[in-house]
N, C-alpha and C. Protein backbone atom coordinates (compact mmCIF):
# COMPACT_ATOMS: atom_id res chain seq x y z
N MET A 1 26.53 30.22 -18.36
CA MET A 1 27.21 29.40 -17.53
C MET A 1 26.04 28.93 -16.55
N MET A 2 26.12 27.53 -16.25
CA MET A 2 25.12 26.94 -15.34
C MET A 2 25.39 26.95 -13.99
N THR A 3 24.29 27.50 -13.20
CA THR A 3 24.65 27.65 -11.75
C THR A 3 24.35 26.31 -11.14
N LYS A 4 24.89 26.01 -10.01
CA LYS A 4 24.87 24.74 -9.18
C LYS A 4 23.43 24.15 -9.13
N ILE A 5 22.60 25.17 -8.91
CA ILE A 5 21.07 24.91 -8.74
C ILE A 5 20.43 24.22 -10.01
N ASP A 6 20.78 24.80 -11.14
CA ASP A 6 20.28 24.28 -12.31
C ASP A 6 20.99 22.90 -12.75
N GLU A 7 22.14 22.65 -12.36
CA GLU A 7 22.75 21.39 -12.55
C GLU A 7 21.87 20.40 -11.57
N ARG A 8 21.79 20.87 -10.22
CA ARG A 8 21.15 19.81 -9.44
C ARG A 8 19.64 19.53 -9.81
N LYS A 9 18.97 20.72 -10.54
CA LYS A 9 17.53 20.21 -11.24
C LYS A 9 17.77 19.45 -12.45
N ASN A 10 18.74 19.47 -13.14
CA ASN A 10 19.00 18.52 -14.28
C ASN A 10 19.36 17.31 -13.89
N ILE A 11 19.93 16.93 -12.92
CA ILE A 11 20.30 15.59 -12.18
C ILE A 11 18.90 14.88 -11.67
N ILE A 12 18.10 15.73 -10.90
CA ILE A 12 16.97 15.51 -10.46
C ILE A 12 15.95 14.91 -11.62
N VAL A 13 15.87 15.72 -12.53
CA VAL A 13 14.96 15.25 -13.69
C VAL A 13 15.40 14.30 -14.30
N SER A 14 16.66 14.01 -14.43
CA SER A 14 17.29 12.75 -15.22
C SER A 14 17.08 11.56 -14.55
N LEU A 15 16.88 11.60 -13.12
CA LEU A 15 16.85 10.33 -12.27
C LEU A 15 15.46 9.80 -12.22
N LYS A 16 14.52 10.60 -12.67
CA LYS A 16 13.08 10.27 -12.43
C LYS A 16 12.70 9.03 -13.32
N ALA A 17 11.99 8.10 -12.75
CA ALA A 17 11.56 6.87 -13.41
C ALA A 17 10.87 7.08 -14.47
N ASN A 18 11.17 6.25 -15.52
CA ASN A 18 10.28 6.52 -16.91
C ASN A 18 9.44 5.38 -17.09
N TYR A 19 8.94 4.63 -16.22
CA TYR A 19 8.03 3.53 -16.31
C TYR A 19 6.58 4.04 -16.52
N GLY A 20 5.69 3.24 -17.20
CA GLY A 20 4.33 3.75 -17.21
C GLY A 20 4.13 5.03 -18.20
N GLU A 21 2.92 5.32 -18.34
CA GLU A 21 2.54 6.44 -19.04
C GLU A 21 2.73 7.80 -18.31
N ARG A 22 3.41 8.80 -18.94
CA ARG A 22 3.70 9.98 -18.27
C ARG A 22 2.35 10.69 -18.21
N ASN A 23 1.51 10.91 -19.25
CA ASN A 23 0.41 11.83 -19.21
C ASN A 23 -0.74 11.01 -19.05
N ASN A 24 -0.97 10.42 -17.76
CA ASN A 24 -2.24 9.82 -17.33
C ASN A 24 -3.26 10.85 -17.04
N GLY A 25 -4.53 10.56 -17.47
CA GLY A 25 -5.53 11.50 -17.16
C GLY A 25 -5.81 11.54 -15.68
N ILE A 26 -6.58 12.56 -15.29
CA ILE A 26 -6.89 12.46 -13.65
C ILE A 26 -7.81 11.38 -13.62
N GLU A 27 -8.77 11.11 -14.46
CA GLU A 27 -9.76 10.03 -14.25
C GLU A 27 -8.96 8.66 -14.15
N LYS A 28 -8.06 8.52 -14.78
CA LYS A 28 -7.21 7.14 -14.70
C LYS A 28 -6.36 7.10 -13.23
N ARG A 29 -5.94 8.16 -12.78
CA ARG A 29 -5.38 8.36 -11.54
C ARG A 29 -6.38 8.14 -10.33
N ILE A 30 -7.62 8.64 -10.41
CA ILE A 30 -8.58 8.40 -9.54
C ILE A 30 -8.98 7.03 -9.51
N GLN A 31 -9.12 6.46 -10.67
CA GLN A 31 -9.63 5.05 -10.71
C GLN A 31 -8.64 4.02 -10.16
N SER A 32 -7.27 4.41 -10.29
CA SER A 32 -6.21 3.61 -9.79
C SER A 32 -6.32 3.66 -8.23
N LEU A 33 -6.48 4.90 -7.77
CA LEU A 33 -6.49 5.11 -6.32
C LEU A 33 -7.73 4.58 -5.67
N LYS A 34 -8.77 4.43 -6.28
CA LYS A 34 -9.99 3.77 -5.76
C LYS A 34 -9.84 2.30 -5.66
N ILE A 35 -9.10 1.67 -6.71
CA ILE A 35 -8.90 0.41 -6.75
C ILE A 35 -7.95 -0.23 -5.54
N THR A 36 -7.00 0.66 -5.54
CA THR A 36 -6.06 0.47 -4.41
C THR A 36 -6.42 0.50 -2.91
N SER A 37 -7.39 1.63 -2.84
CA SER A 37 -7.93 1.90 -1.52
C SER A 37 -8.89 0.82 -1.20
N SER A 38 -9.78 0.36 -2.26
CA SER A 38 -10.64 -0.93 -2.02
C SER A 38 -9.82 -2.10 -1.71
N PHE A 39 -8.81 -2.40 -2.26
CA PHE A 39 -7.94 -3.38 -1.93
C PHE A 39 -7.50 -3.42 -0.47
N ASN A 40 -6.91 -2.31 -0.12
CA ASN A 40 -6.57 -1.97 1.29
C ASN A 40 -7.63 -2.29 2.17
N PHE A 41 -8.72 -1.82 1.88
CA PHE A 41 -10.06 -1.93 3.02
C PHE A 41 -10.31 -3.42 3.07
N ILE A 42 -10.32 -4.14 1.95
CA ILE A 42 -10.61 -5.61 1.94
C ILE A 42 -9.62 -6.21 2.73
N LEU A 43 -8.26 -6.06 2.59
CA LEU A 43 -7.28 -6.68 3.33
C LEU A 43 -7.54 -6.23 4.87
N THR A 44 -7.75 -4.99 5.17
CA THR A 44 -7.79 -4.43 6.46
C THR A 44 -9.00 -5.32 7.22
N ILE A 45 -10.10 -5.46 6.43
CA ILE A 45 -11.26 -6.26 7.26
C ILE A 45 -11.01 -7.75 7.15
N PHE A 46 -10.29 -8.28 6.26
CA PHE A 46 -9.78 -9.69 6.41
C PHE A 46 -8.87 -9.84 7.56
N PHE A 47 -8.02 -9.15 7.72
CA PHE A 47 -7.04 -9.28 8.71
C PHE A 47 -7.60 -8.83 10.10
N GLY A 48 -8.64 -7.89 10.18
CA GLY A 48 -9.20 -7.61 11.38
C GLY A 48 -10.02 -8.80 11.79
N LEU A 49 -10.82 -9.54 10.91
CA LEU A 49 -11.55 -10.79 11.26
C LEU A 49 -10.74 -11.71 11.69
N ILE A 50 -9.49 -11.96 11.23
CA ILE A 50 -8.83 -12.93 11.96
C ILE A 50 -8.36 -12.64 13.09
N LEU A 51 -8.00 -11.39 13.43
CA LEU A 51 -7.55 -11.07 14.86
C LEU A 51 -8.78 -11.12 15.68
N LEU A 52 -9.87 -10.64 15.22
CA LEU A 52 -11.01 -10.80 16.19
C LEU A 52 -11.43 -12.27 16.47
N THR A 53 -11.25 -13.16 15.50
CA THR A 53 -11.55 -14.44 15.69
C THR A 53 -10.55 -15.14 16.61
N SER A 54 -9.29 -14.81 16.57
CA SER A 54 -8.22 -15.12 17.50
C SER A 54 -8.60 -14.75 18.98
N ILE A 55 -9.02 -13.52 19.06
CA ILE A 55 -9.28 -13.03 20.49
C ILE A 55 -10.42 -13.77 20.98
N ILE A 56 -11.54 -13.82 20.28
CA ILE A 56 -12.73 -14.62 20.55
C ILE A 56 -12.41 -16.07 21.08
N SER A 57 -11.66 -16.66 20.10
CA SER A 57 -11.42 -18.05 20.46
C SER A 57 -10.60 -18.29 21.58
N GLY A 58 -9.66 -17.25 21.82
CA GLY A 58 -8.76 -17.33 23.14
C GLY A 58 -9.52 -17.22 24.38
N LEU A 59 -10.50 -16.36 24.38
CA LEU A 59 -11.48 -16.13 25.45
C LEU A 59 -12.39 -17.44 25.73
N LEU A 60 -12.77 -17.77 24.73
CA LEU A 60 -13.63 -19.14 24.83
C LEU A 60 -12.70 -20.33 25.10
N GLY A 61 -11.65 -20.33 24.95
CA GLY A 61 -10.88 -21.59 25.41
C GLY A 61 -10.67 -22.45 24.08
N TYR A 62 -10.83 -22.11 22.86
CA TYR A 62 -10.52 -22.69 21.76
C TYR A 62 -9.00 -22.51 21.39
N GLU A 63 -8.49 -23.67 20.86
CA GLU A 63 -6.89 -23.55 20.65
C GLU A 63 -6.49 -23.45 19.28
N TYR A 64 -7.24 -22.91 18.38
CA TYR A 64 -6.95 -22.84 16.98
C TYR A 64 -5.84 -21.89 16.68
N PHE A 65 -5.81 -20.89 17.44
CA PHE A 65 -4.69 -19.97 17.05
C PHE A 65 -3.80 -19.73 18.24
N ARG A 66 -3.58 -20.80 18.87
CA ARG A 66 -2.60 -20.60 20.06
C ARG A 66 -1.16 -20.64 19.30
N TRP A 67 -0.18 -20.17 19.98
CA TRP A 67 1.16 -20.02 19.30
C TRP A 67 1.75 -21.56 19.20
N GLN A 68 1.48 -22.30 20.27
CA GLN A 68 2.12 -23.78 20.38
C GLN A 68 1.59 -24.62 19.30
N LYS A 69 0.09 -24.24 18.94
CA LYS A 69 -0.35 -25.18 17.85
C LYS A 69 -0.03 -24.76 16.42
N ILE A 70 0.41 -23.62 16.28
CA ILE A 70 0.66 -23.02 14.72
C ILE A 70 1.92 -23.43 14.66
């Protein structure tokens, strides 16, 4: 006789996603994480530069990034 906990475990296992390779090596996972983190770093730098440019242009009186002009 199956207990309630075993039934719940079976439901959870059956609902797991089945996309991609199940048995990825640790090297592939590390490489994927490195690519993702470098992409996030590049996006952070890009948007940080946009923010810095808008702040500096606002202080200097340029109207490139004014809400009314956008």
